[in-house]
């Protein structure tokens, strides 16, 4: 694919991913906020504790095969079929091991119910192994439309399942069955992309090439899992399921832009930059532009949430979740830095440098769990402080690797986002000022007013800072519309 076609694919990818993610996110958060009113914080803690182990098995069974297949210039039918069966075999074996170890894990946490939760949730490991190769096929084609629609259908079914089961008083089991149903929808949608039932007979040598690359990705993912889930493992063991549930909800809210919006950019950027890996200048331009766009969307959400956290938790989650407010605010500031770094690993993967991501993950594994072990002695506040002190070091390490490979400097990266930072500061300041003068107003109205004022201030500021770019985009839209008018009239 040439550069023009890839840029067109990037625009199409963001259009489809952005539109479907908007629908999905509205449905997902409506269901999350609704279910949080019905289910106890300790239930969220149980699911988080189980997730420490089920997510580990998902990483292992994936083997990085999807990345290995996407990154290659060409693939053969034998490679795809071989990778499919390798992934499936490892998935089944991993689930069998998890099923057997579930009672041991439950005993470690001293949570008896965890045995059944882990054994049921582990079915997602097998389902994940079934969709790995078909997903790679879709991404090699840069078919973001198909992926977006599949993910939207999956998340809508997940959300509906959780809500219905919660209303039927299934409690913690509603949180377990939801992801299983969502994964099953994905598998049913992705498997037809294989084109035929994969043949069991294939030369293993055909699978070695993507496996070699994938193993490096898997090694990185395992390291990422170890440091990114170490906070939940430590909190669950030391502070118990209720405190883990509180932390998990705060963390889930704080990483919303990282987890949802950042995922949209990652899904589009990795396959696009893989096709551009030999064009340094185009890779530089795409990365800098998308980094700015990501911050443009995510920063007002993060800092706006931090500013209205107290009212948002009280109104949307009820008073039983009020203790999470200071943890949520602290994690929002940490997430601001994490959002800035979220596009860097995909850049290094796309440019064939997974070893640099491994190095970064080793740094993270050496620093973060130690920070959490010390911090947890002071409760959840100490864990959040651990994040705030340790992550800036890791961000600098990752940024240095990425920017050096792209041959750009820190100023090249941050100069385009200065208007975003200023607009975000103006927005946050206006929200804090408004809420300070509206203490006598009911929390729900105060929250609505803060959201309206913050959104207005941010949009006006962005409009002023990026006036020329917006005018240019509007002009292109009008030209395109005039150009299509005769066809529409015909």
Foldseek 3Di string as FASTA:
>chain_A
DDPVVLVVLLVVLCVLLVVLLVVLVVLLVVLVLVLLQLAALLLLLLLLLLCLQLVLLLLVLLLQLLLLLLLDPDADLLQLLVQLVSSLVSLVVSLVVQLVCQCVSCVLLVHRVSNVLNNLLNVLSNLSSLQRSLVSLCVSVSVSNLVSVQLSVLSNQLSVQLNVVSVVVVHSVSNRVSNVSSSVSSNVSRNCSSVDNRDPDHPVVSNVRSSVLSNLVSLLVSLCSLLVSLLSNLCSRPVNSSLSSLLVVLLCQLCVLVVRVLVSCLSSLLSSLSVVLVPLVSNLVVVLVVLLVSLLPVLLSLLLCLLLVQLCCCVRNNPVSNVSNVVSNLSSVLSSLVSSLSCLCSNCSSNVNSVLSSVLSVLSSVQLSVQSVVQCVVPSVSNSVSSVVGVVVSSVSSVVVRCVVSVHDPCSNCVVNPLSVVLSVQLSVVLNVQCVVCVVPDSVVNSVVSVVSSVVSSVVSVCVVCVVVVVVVVVVVVVVCVVCVVVVVD
